[in-house]
Protein backbone atom coordinates (compact mmCIF):
# COMPACT_ATOMS: atom_id res chain seq x y z
CA MET A 1 -166.09 -39.76 -244.59
CA ASP A 2 -167.24 -38.69 -247.86
CA ALA A 3 -165.12 -37.70 -250.96
CA GLU A 4 -165.60 -34.07 -250.45
CA ASP A 5 -164.10 -34.16 -246.74
CA VAL A 6 -161.55 -36.61 -248.03
CA LEU A 7 -160.33 -33.91 -250.64
CA SER A 8 -160.62 -31.12 -248.07
CA SER A 9 -158.26 -33.38 -245.89
CA SER A 10 -155.94 -33.69 -248.46
CA VAL A 11 -155.51 -30.19 -249.74
CA ARG A 12 -155.13 -29.02 -246.11
CA LYS A 13 -152.28 -31.49 -245.70
CA TYR A 14 -150.83 -30.46 -248.92
CA PHE A 15 -150.82 -26.88 -248.07
CA GLY A 16 -149.29 -27.57 -244.72
CA SER A 17 -146.43 -29.98 -246.13
CA GLU A 18 -142.92 -28.69 -246.30
CA SER A 19 -142.79 -29.34 -250.03
CA PHE A 20 -145.67 -26.78 -250.80
CA LYS A 21 -143.90 -24.34 -248.45
CA ILE A 22 -140.84 -24.70 -250.53
CA MET A 23 -142.51 -24.20 -253.70
CA LEU A 24 -144.58 -21.36 -252.65
CA THR A 25 -141.15 -19.80 -251.35
CA GLY A 26 -139.52 -20.28 -254.66
CA THR A 27 -142.36 -18.87 -256.71
CA VAL A 28 -142.83 -15.92 -254.76
CA LYS A 29 -138.84 -15.35 -254.48
CA GLU A 30 -138.85 -15.87 -258.55
CA CYS A 31 -141.66 -13.14 -258.68
CA MET A 32 -139.91 -10.66 -256.29
CA GLU A 33 -136.69 -11.14 -258.46
CA THR A 34 -138.49 -10.28 -261.58
CA VAL A 35 -140.29 -7.18 -259.88
CA THR A 36 -136.97 -5.99 -258.34
CA LYS A 37 -134.93 -6.20 -261.82
CA ARG A 38 -138.33 -4.22 -263.38
CA MET A 39 -137.99 -1.76 -260.76
CA ASN A 40 -134.30 -1.28 -261.10
CA ARG A 41 -134.72 -0.81 -264.76
CA LEU A 42 -137.52 1.71 -264.47
CA GLU A 43 -135.24 3.63 -261.40
CA LEU A 44 -132.31 3.88 -263.79
CA SER A 45 -134.71 4.87 -266.76
CA LEU A 46 -135.81 7.45 -264.52
CA ARG A 47 -132.25 8.42 -263.09
CA ASN A 48 -131.46 8.92 -266.66
CA LEU A 49 -134.06 11.05 -267.54
CA GLU A 50 -133.50 12.90 -264.56
CA ASP A 51 -129.95 13.61 -265.67
CA GLN A 52 -130.97 14.38 -269.45
CA LEU A 53 -133.42 16.90 -268.18
CA LYS A 54 -130.74 18.32 -265.72
CA LEU A 55 -128.53 18.70 -268.48
CA GLN A 56 -131.01 20.52 -270.83
CA GLU A 57 -131.83 22.77 -268.17
CA GLU A 58 -128.07 23.64 -267.47
CA LEU A 59 -127.24 24.21 -271.14
CA LYS A 60 -130.34 26.10 -271.27
CA LEU A 61 -129.11 28.33 -268.54
CA ALA A 62 -125.36 28.64 -270.06
CA ALA A 63 -127.17 29.55 -273.24
CA GLU A 64 -129.24 32.36 -271.47
CA ASN A 65 -126.07 33.45 -269.03
CA PRO A 66 -123.02 32.24 -270.63
CA THR A 67 -119.90 32.20 -268.93
CA PRO A 68 -117.49 34.67 -270.30
CA ILE A 69 -114.71 33.35 -272.09
CA ILE A 70 -111.77 34.90 -269.91
CA GLU A 71 -113.49 32.69 -266.96
CA LEU A 72 -113.67 29.61 -268.98
CA GLU A 73 -109.70 30.15 -269.99
CA MET A 74 -109.04 30.65 -266.43
CA ASN A 75 -111.00 27.56 -265.19
CA LEU A 76 -108.96 25.61 -267.42
CA GLY A 77 -105.72 27.17 -265.94
CA LEU A 78 -107.17 26.54 -262.12
CA ASN A 79 -107.99 22.97 -263.04
CA LEU A 80 -104.44 21.94 -264.46
CA LEU A 81 -102.80 23.88 -261.38
CA LYS A 82 -104.81 21.90 -259.06
CA GLN A 83 -103.61 18.74 -260.82
CA SER A 84 -100.20 19.58 -260.33
CA ASP A 85 -97.76 20.05 -257.50
CA THR A 86 -98.83 23.16 -255.80
CA SER A 87 -95.68 23.26 -254.04
CA ASN A 88 -93.89 24.39 -257.08
CA PRO A 89 -94.03 27.68 -259.31
CA PHE A 90 -96.52 26.86 -261.95
CA VAL A 91 -97.63 28.51 -265.39
CA VAL A 92 -99.60 27.27 -268.26
CA SER A 93 -101.15 28.93 -271.52
CA PRO A 94 -104.83 28.19 -271.98
CA VAL A 95 -104.75 30.12 -275.17
CA SER A 96 -102.20 28.04 -276.29
CA ILE A 97 -103.59 24.96 -275.18
CA ILE A 98 -106.87 25.38 -276.72
CA SER A 99 -105.07 26.46 -279.85
CA GLY A 100 -103.18 23.20 -279.88
CA VAL A 101 -106.47 21.24 -279.86
CA HIS A 102 -107.49 22.73 -283.34
CA PRO A 103 -105.91 20.13 -285.46
CA PHE A 104 -107.77 17.52 -283.36
CA PHE A 105 -111.08 19.53 -283.92
CA LYS A 106 -110.71 19.66 -287.59
CA CYS A 107 -109.82 15.83 -288.05
CA ALA A 108 -112.58 14.71 -285.32
CA THR A 109 -116.16 13.39 -286.13
CA PRO A 110 -119.23 15.62 -286.12
CA GLU A 111 -119.93 14.03 -282.75
CA VAL A 112 -116.68 14.66 -281.05
CA ARG A 113 -116.60 18.04 -282.62
CA LEU A 114 -119.74 18.87 -281.06
CA ARG A 115 -118.50 17.19 -277.57
CA MET A 116 -115.37 19.49 -277.70
CA ALA A 117 -117.51 22.65 -278.04
CA LYS A 118 -119.80 21.82 -275.40
CA LEU A 119 -116.67 21.25 -273.08
CA ILE A 120 -114.75 23.97 -273.85
CA LEU A 121 -117.14 26.69 -274.20
CA GLU A 122 -119.91 25.01 -272.01
CA GLY A 123 -122.74 24.20 -274.15
CA GLY A 124 -121.18 26.20 -277.21
CA THR A 125 -121.89 24.98 -280.82
CA VAL A 126 -119.41 23.89 -283.38
CA ASP A 127 -119.51 27.26 -285.39
CA ALA A 128 -119.32 28.97 -282.14
CA MET A 129 -115.93 26.85 -281.42
CA THR A 130 -114.53 27.67 -285.07
CA GLU A 131 -114.97 31.37 -284.30
CA TYR A 132 -113.16 30.97 -280.90
CA PHE A 133 -110.05 29.27 -282.33
CA ILE A 134 -109.95 32.29 -284.81
CA ASP A 135 -110.32 34.60 -281.74
CA LEU A 136 -107.39 32.82 -280.22
CA LEU A 137 -105.29 32.99 -283.41
CA SER A 138 -105.62 36.87 -283.22
CA VAL A 139 -104.36 36.73 -279.81
CA LEU A 140 -101.24 34.59 -280.93
CA ARG A 141 -100.23 35.91 -284.36
CA ALA A 142 -101.93 39.34 -285.09
CA THR A 143 -99.41 41.64 -286.21
CA VAL A 144 -101.32 44.42 -288.20
CA HIS A 145 -102.02 47.37 -286.01
CA PHE A 146 -105.36 49.07 -285.54
CA SER A 147 -104.59 51.71 -287.51
CA GLU A 148 -104.03 50.14 -290.58
CA ILE A 149 -107.33 48.34 -290.00
CA VAL A 150 -109.49 51.48 -289.28
CA ASN A 151 -108.29 53.85 -291.64
CA LEU A 152 -109.99 57.19 -291.26
CA GLU A 153 -108.46 58.90 -294.61
CA GLY A 154 -109.82 56.13 -296.91
CA PRO A 155 -111.34 52.72 -297.03
CA SER A 156 -109.87 49.82 -294.72
CA ASP A 157 -108.45 46.95 -296.62
CA PRO A 158 -111.35 44.67 -296.48
CA THR A 159 -109.34 41.35 -295.99
CA ILE A 160 -108.01 42.69 -293.05
CA GLN A 161 -111.07 44.12 -291.86
CA TYR A 162 -112.82 40.91 -292.19
CA LEU A 163 -110.35 38.88 -289.64
CA TYR A 164 -110.04 41.87 -287.38
CA ARG A 165 -111.21 40.23 -284.01
CA GLY A 166 -110.77 43.07 -281.51
CA GLY A 167 -107.93 44.25 -279.21
CA TYR A 168 -105.44 46.54 -281.06
CA HIS A 169 -104.00 44.39 -283.66
CA GLY A 170 -105.39 42.11 -286.55
CA LEU A 171 -104.71 39.03 -288.76
CA THR A 172 -103.13 39.42 -292.18
CA LYS A 173 -105.07 36.68 -294.72
CA ASN A 174 -102.06 34.57 -295.05
CA VAL A 175 -101.89 33.92 -291.53
CA PHE A 176 -105.51 33.10 -291.52
CA ASP A 177 -105.15 30.96 -294.43
CA ASP A 178 -102.04 28.66 -293.31
CA PHE A 179 -104.32 28.31 -289.99
CA LEU A 180 -107.58 27.05 -291.48
CA SER A 181 -105.42 24.61 -293.91
CA MET A 182 -103.47 23.60 -290.66
CA LYS A 183 -100.27 24.74 -292.39
CA LEU A 184 -99.81 26.84 -289.18
CA LYS A 185 -100.29 24.70 -286.12
CA PHE A 186 -99.60 24.75 -282.60
CA LEU A 187 -98.25 21.47 -282.14
CA GLU A 188 -94.80 19.83 -282.88
CA ILE A 189 -93.52 16.27 -282.84
CA GLU A 190 -90.85 15.31 -279.82
CA SER A 191 -89.20 12.14 -280.23
CA SER A 192 -87.37 10.71 -276.99
CA SER A 193 -84.01 9.13 -277.67
CA GLU A 194 -84.04 6.81 -274.54
CA ASN A 195 -87.24 4.97 -275.19
CA CYS A 196 -88.11 5.78 -279.02
CA GLU A 197 -91.41 7.03 -278.13
CA SER A 198 -92.92 10.19 -279.33
CA THR A 199 -95.30 12.92 -278.17
CA LEU A 200 -97.10 15.89 -279.61
CA LEU A 201 -95.81 19.08 -277.85
CA ASN A 202 -97.52 22.50 -277.32
CA THR A 203 -95.18 25.28 -276.10
CA LEU A 204 -95.37 29.01 -275.51
CA SER A 205 -93.03 31.01 -274.26
CA CYS A 206 -93.25 35.03 -272.99
CA SER A 207 -90.71 37.54 -271.70
CA ALA A 208 -92.59 40.42 -270.06
CA LEU A 209 -89.98 42.82 -269.80
CA PHE A 210 -90.58 46.14 -268.18
CA ASN A 211 -88.53 49.51 -269.13
CA HIS A 212 -87.48 52.03 -266.53
CA TRP A 213 -88.13 55.19 -268.42
CA PHE A 214 -91.96 54.12 -269.38
CA HIS A 215 -93.13 51.57 -266.68
CA ARG A 216 -91.45 54.13 -263.85
CA PHE A 217 -90.42 51.33 -261.33
CA GLY A 218 -87.71 50.64 -258.88
CA THR A 219 -85.90 47.49 -257.71
CA PHE A 220 -84.68 46.43 -254.40
CA GLU A 221 -83.65 42.98 -252.58
CA GLY A 222 -86.00 41.36 -250.27
CA LYS A 223 -87.29 37.97 -248.55
CA PHE A 224 -89.98 35.76 -250.07
CA HIS A 225 -91.74 33.77 -247.66
CA ASP A 226 -92.54 30.33 -249.07
CA SER A 227 -93.78 28.85 -245.77
CA PRO A 228 -93.68 29.96 -242.00
CA ASP A 229 -90.47 28.30 -241.91
CA SER A 230 -88.77 29.16 -245.18
CA GLN A 231 -87.92 32.43 -246.89
CA ARG A 232 -85.20 33.30 -249.39
CA ASP A 233 -83.85 36.42 -251.17
CA VAL A 234 -85.23 37.64 -254.35
CA GLU A 235 -85.22 40.79 -256.39
CA TYR A 236 -88.36 42.70 -256.43
CA MET A 237 -89.83 45.28 -258.89
CA LEU A 238 -91.80 47.93 -257.01
CA TRP A 239 -94.03 50.75 -258.35
CA PRO A 240 -94.34 53.20 -255.42
CA SER A 241 -97.47 55.42 -255.83
CA HIS A 242 -98.45 54.68 -259.02
CA ARG A 243 -102.21 54.48 -260.11
CA HIS A 244 -103.40 51.15 -260.93
CA PHE A 245 -106.78 49.19 -261.33
CA PHE A 246 -107.29 47.81 -258.03
CA SER A 247 -109.98 45.37 -256.16
CA GLU A 248 -109.95 43.05 -253.13
CA ASN A 249 -112.61 40.47 -251.63
CA ASP A 250 -112.63 38.45 -248.28
CA GLU A 251 -109.37 36.15 -249.68
CA PHE A 252 -107.37 38.34 -252.13
CA GLN A 253 -106.11 41.71 -253.39
CA MET A 254 -105.89 42.28 -256.98
CA VAL A 255 -103.68 44.72 -258.74
CA GLN A 256 -103.49 45.02 -262.72
CA ILE A 257 -100.53 46.32 -264.11
CA ASN A 258 -100.48 47.75 -267.60
CA LEU A 259 -97.63 46.34 -269.86
CA ARG A 260 -99.05 47.27 -273.59
CA GLN A 261 -102.25 48.29 -275.04
CA CYS A 262 -104.83 45.59 -274.26
CA VAL A 263 -101.77 43.78 -272.45
CA THR A 264 -101.95 43.51 -268.73
CA MET A 265 -100.58 41.46 -265.67
CA ASN A 266 -103.19 40.68 -263.15
CA VAL A 267 -101.68 39.76 -259.62
CA PHE A 268 -103.91 38.00 -256.82
CA VAL A 269 -102.11 38.42 -253.51
CA PRO A 270 -103.72 36.35 -250.61
CA LYS A 271 -104.74 38.09 -247.27
CA THR A 272 -103.54 35.19 -245.73
CA ARG A 273 -100.18 34.90 -245.91
CA PHE A 274 -99.73 31.37 -246.18
CA GLY A 275 -103.37 30.56 -247.22
CA LEU A 276 -103.06 29.79 -250.91
CA THR A 277 -102.85 25.84 -250.51
CA SER A 278 -106.14 25.90 -248.82
CA ILE A 279 -107.85 28.26 -251.04
CA LEU A 280 -106.66 26.23 -253.77
CA LYS A 281 -108.64 23.36 -252.37
CA ASN A 282 -111.70 24.76 -251.82
CA LEU A 283 -111.80 26.71 -255.08
CA ARG A 284 -114.20 25.28 -257.68
CA ASP A 285 -113.97 27.71 -260.36
CA CYS A 286 -112.47 31.27 -261.07
CA GLU A 287 -115.57 32.94 -260.73
CA GLN A 288 -114.15 35.15 -257.79
CA PHE A 289 -111.26 36.20 -260.01
CA SER A 290 -113.32 37.50 -262.83
CA GLY A 291 -115.43 39.22 -260.31
CA LEU A 292 -112.33 40.84 -258.76
CA ILE A 293 -111.34 42.11 -262.55
CA LYS A 294 -115.11 43.62 -263.31
CA LYS A 295 -115.09 45.83 -260.15
CA THR A 296 -111.63 47.34 -260.25
CA LYS A 297 -111.24 50.85 -259.39
CA LEU A 298 -108.30 53.48 -260.14
CA VAL A 299 -106.31 53.82 -256.98
CA TYR A 300 -102.96 54.82 -255.90
CA VAL A 301 -101.04 51.48 -255.20
CA ASP A 302 -97.51 50.53 -253.85
CA ILE A 303 -97.08 47.29 -255.71
CA SER A 304 -93.86 45.01 -255.37
CA VAL A 305 -93.69 41.91 -257.33
CA PRO A 306 -90.59 39.61 -257.43
CA LYS A 307 -88.91 39.12 -260.63
CA LEU A 308 -89.58 35.57 -261.86
CA LYS A 309 -88.99 33.00 -264.38
CA ILE A 310 -91.13 29.91 -264.39
CA ASN A 311 -90.86 26.61 -266.84
CA THR A 312 -93.71 24.10 -266.51
CA GLU A 313 -94.58 21.05 -268.32
CA VAL A 314 -97.98 19.69 -268.04
CA LYS A 315 -99.31 16.17 -269.52
CA LEU A 316 -102.73 16.61 -271.24
CA GLU A 317 -103.68 13.21 -271.44
CA SER A 318 -106.86 13.20 -269.20
CA LEU A 319 -107.88 16.57 -270.68
CA MET A 320 -107.82 15.40 -274.39
CA THR A 321 -109.39 12.03 -273.13
CA SER A 322 -112.30 14.17 -271.73
CA PHE A 323 -112.84 16.13 -275.34
CA GLY A 324 -112.96 12.57 -276.99
CA ALA A 325 -109.55 12.27 -278.53
CA ASP A 326 -108.58 8.39 -278.97
CA LYS A 327 -105.91 6.61 -280.40
CA ASN A 328 -107.70 6.71 -283.68
CA LEU A 329 -107.86 10.38 -283.36
CA TYR A 330 -104.12 10.83 -282.46
CA LYS A 331 -103.24 8.57 -285.42
CA GLU A 332 -105.42 11.07 -287.86
CA VAL A 333 -103.99 14.24 -286.30
CA THR A 334 -100.21 12.73 -286.61
CA LYS A 335 -100.86 11.40 -290.27
CA THR A 336 -102.65 14.28 -291.61
CA VAL A 337 -101.56 17.22 -289.65
CA MET A 338 -98.14 16.53 -288.80
CA GLU A 339 -97.37 14.13 -291.72
CA SER A 340 -95.91 11.59 -289.86
CA ASP A 341 -95.86 7.86 -289.56
CA LYS A 342 -94.81 7.98 -285.99
CA GLU A 343 -97.40 6.43 -283.28
CA ILE A 344 -98.38 9.39 -280.78
CA THR A 345 -100.77 8.74 -278.31
CA SER A 346 -100.20 11.99 -275.88
CA LEU A 347 -99.82 15.64 -275.81
CA ILE A 348 -97.45 17.58 -273.71
CA HIS A 349 -97.92 21.35 -272.84
CA ARG A 350 -94.74 23.39 -271.87
CA SER A 351 -94.88 27.19 -270.95
CA GLN A 352 -92.30 29.49 -270.04
CA PHE A 353 -93.00 33.00 -268.56
CA GLU A 354 -90.53 35.49 -267.52
CA LEU A 355 -91.21 38.98 -265.53
CA ASN A 356 -88.00 40.87 -265.51
CA GLU A 357 -86.83 44.53 -266.50
CA LYS A 358 -85.24 45.30 -270.18
CA GLU A 359 -81.82 47.08 -269.75
CA ASP A 360 -81.95 48.77 -273.37
CA ASP A 361 -83.79 52.11 -272.57
CA GLU A 362 -83.89 53.04 -276.12
CA THR A 363 -86.35 50.16 -277.23
CA GLU A 364 -89.59 51.66 -278.48
CA TYR A 365 -92.61 51.10 -276.64
CA ASP A 366 -96.58 51.66 -276.86
CA TYR A 367 -97.49 54.64 -274.88
CA GLY A 368 -100.47 52.80 -273.56
CA VAL A 369 -98.11 51.83 -270.58
CA LEU A 370 -98.31 55.39 -269.33
CA GLU A 371 -101.90 54.43 -268.24
CA CYS A 372 -100.10 53.49 -265.14
CA TYR A 373 -97.91 56.64 -263.93
CA ARG A 374 -96.62 57.92 -260.67
CA PRO A 375 -98.05 61.56 -259.67
CA LEU A 376 -95.29 64.31 -258.92
CA ASN A 377 -97.07 64.41 -255.37
CA PRO A 378 -99.19 61.53 -254.46
CA ILE A 379 -99.55 62.72 -250.68
CA PHE A 380 -102.01 65.09 -251.80
CA PHE A 381 -104.17 62.64 -253.44
CA GLU A 382 -106.40 59.75 -251.95
CA GLN A 383 -104.86 57.55 -249.56
CA LYS A 384 -102.57 54.93 -251.14
CA ILE A 385 -102.63 50.68 -251.00
CA GLU A 386 -99.93 48.84 -250.09
CA VAL A 387 -99.82 45.41 -251.61
CA LYS A 388 -96.69 42.93 -251.42
CA ALA A 389 -96.41 39.76 -253.24
CA ASP A 390 -93.88 38.54 -250.95
CA HIS A 391 -95.52 35.14 -250.31
CA PRO A 392 -97.23 32.64 -252.61
CA PHE A 393 -99.88 34.54 -254.92
CA LEU A 394 -101.69 33.63 -258.35
CA PHE A 395 -101.03 35.68 -261.72
CA MET A 396 -102.66 35.92 -264.97
CA TYR A 397 -101.28 37.61 -268.15
CA LEU A 398 -104.04 38.84 -270.33
CA LYS A 399 -104.28 39.92 -274.00
CA ASP A 400 -107.42 41.31 -275.63
CA ASN A 401 -109.32 39.86 -272.74
CA HIS A 402 -107.74 36.25 -273.13
CA VAL A 403 -105.59 34.46 -270.74
CA LEU A 404 -102.37 34.03 -272.18
CA PHE A 405 -100.84 32.79 -269.34
CA PHE A 406 -102.18 31.44 -265.82
CA GLY A 407 -99.77 30.81 -263.14
CA CYS A 408 -98.76 30.38 -259.34
CA TYR A 409 -95.70 31.68 -258.06
CA GLN A 410 -94.31 30.15 -254.59
C-alpha cells in the first residue's frame, strides 16, 4: 500500500470517527447560533423600523385629519371611567385635569413637553399645547362678557381682545398673567394626618341649577332601575314637549339640554336598559358620541333626568407616568410651583357635579336658555320623542365646546 492510500484511509477513518462528528456538530451549532443572533437583531431592527414608519404615518394622518379636541377630552374621561368601578356613579373633569398638568408641562424638559403634547393632542406640538392650556383657562376663568370684547360703538380693549378664546366670555389680563407665571394653578397640596404623606390635589365642583321660570320643567317621583333586580325611588326633572337637539344611533339616544349661552348638558341614554356595562367594555373611544353631537336635529322631546349629585376621586399616577412625570418632575413642581419641601409623588383628581333645581326664582339668568322652550300646543307640530334616563346613562357637561365634566350615573 503506497503513501497516498494510507493518507486516504486515515482521512476516511477520521471523518467517520466520533471525535470529528462531535467537532463538526459543535462548529455548525456555533455558526448557527451566530447566524440566529444576527437574524434576531435584523428582525428586531426591521420591527423597530416598521413601528417608526407606522408611527410617522399615524402622526401624518393625525396632522391631516386631527381628532377634534372635544373627542380627545371625551376619550380622557372614558379611559378614566373604564379604569374605575363602573358600578358606581362617576364624574371627572377633563378640562380641570389637563389644566392641572400645566405646572408639570412648564417644569418639564423639552423632550417631556413634546411627549405630553403628542399624547394629549395626538401628535400636537409644544406650541399647540401652550395654546390649548390657554383655551382651557378661558373655560374655567373667563369672566369678561363678549359685549365688552366686541364693542360695536368703539374700539375694543386690545388686551381682552387678544386673550379672547371663543364662546361668550374672555379672559382679563391679570388672570392670563397669573396663569403663565403659575401664580394661578389648578393644584393644591393635601397632607394626610394618618401616614404623614402628601399628595397633589386637582379639584373642580359644579352645580347645574335649573330655574322653573326660565327652564320650564316639572318634577316627579319615579323609579330608577340600577339592574334587573334593583330599583330605587328618585326625583326626576321633566321637560315635557320641549324643543331640544336630539340624535340617536344603534346604541344611544342623545338629548342636548341648553343651560346657558354655550353651556349644554348632553345625556346619552342606552337603548338597551342594562346594556351600558357591556357597551363600555367594547368601547374603544368616544367617536360615536362626537358623531351623535354632530348630527343633532331640533325636535320635540319629552326628556326626564334624575336629580343627581356625584362625588368622585380618581388617582392619576398611571396617566402622569404616561406623560413622563417621574419623581424628579414631581419634586421640581412641588418646589418651584407649590413652594413646598414636602415629598410628593402622586396626583389625585376630585370632581363634584350636581344637577338640581334652584329655588330662588328671582335670580338673573342668561336668556340663551330659552333656546329650549315648550310650545303652546305641541300636538299640532311634529311627533315628539320620549327619552327616559331611568336606567344607567352617560352625560357630558360642555362649555364652549370643551368637556367640563364627563360622567356616568347608575
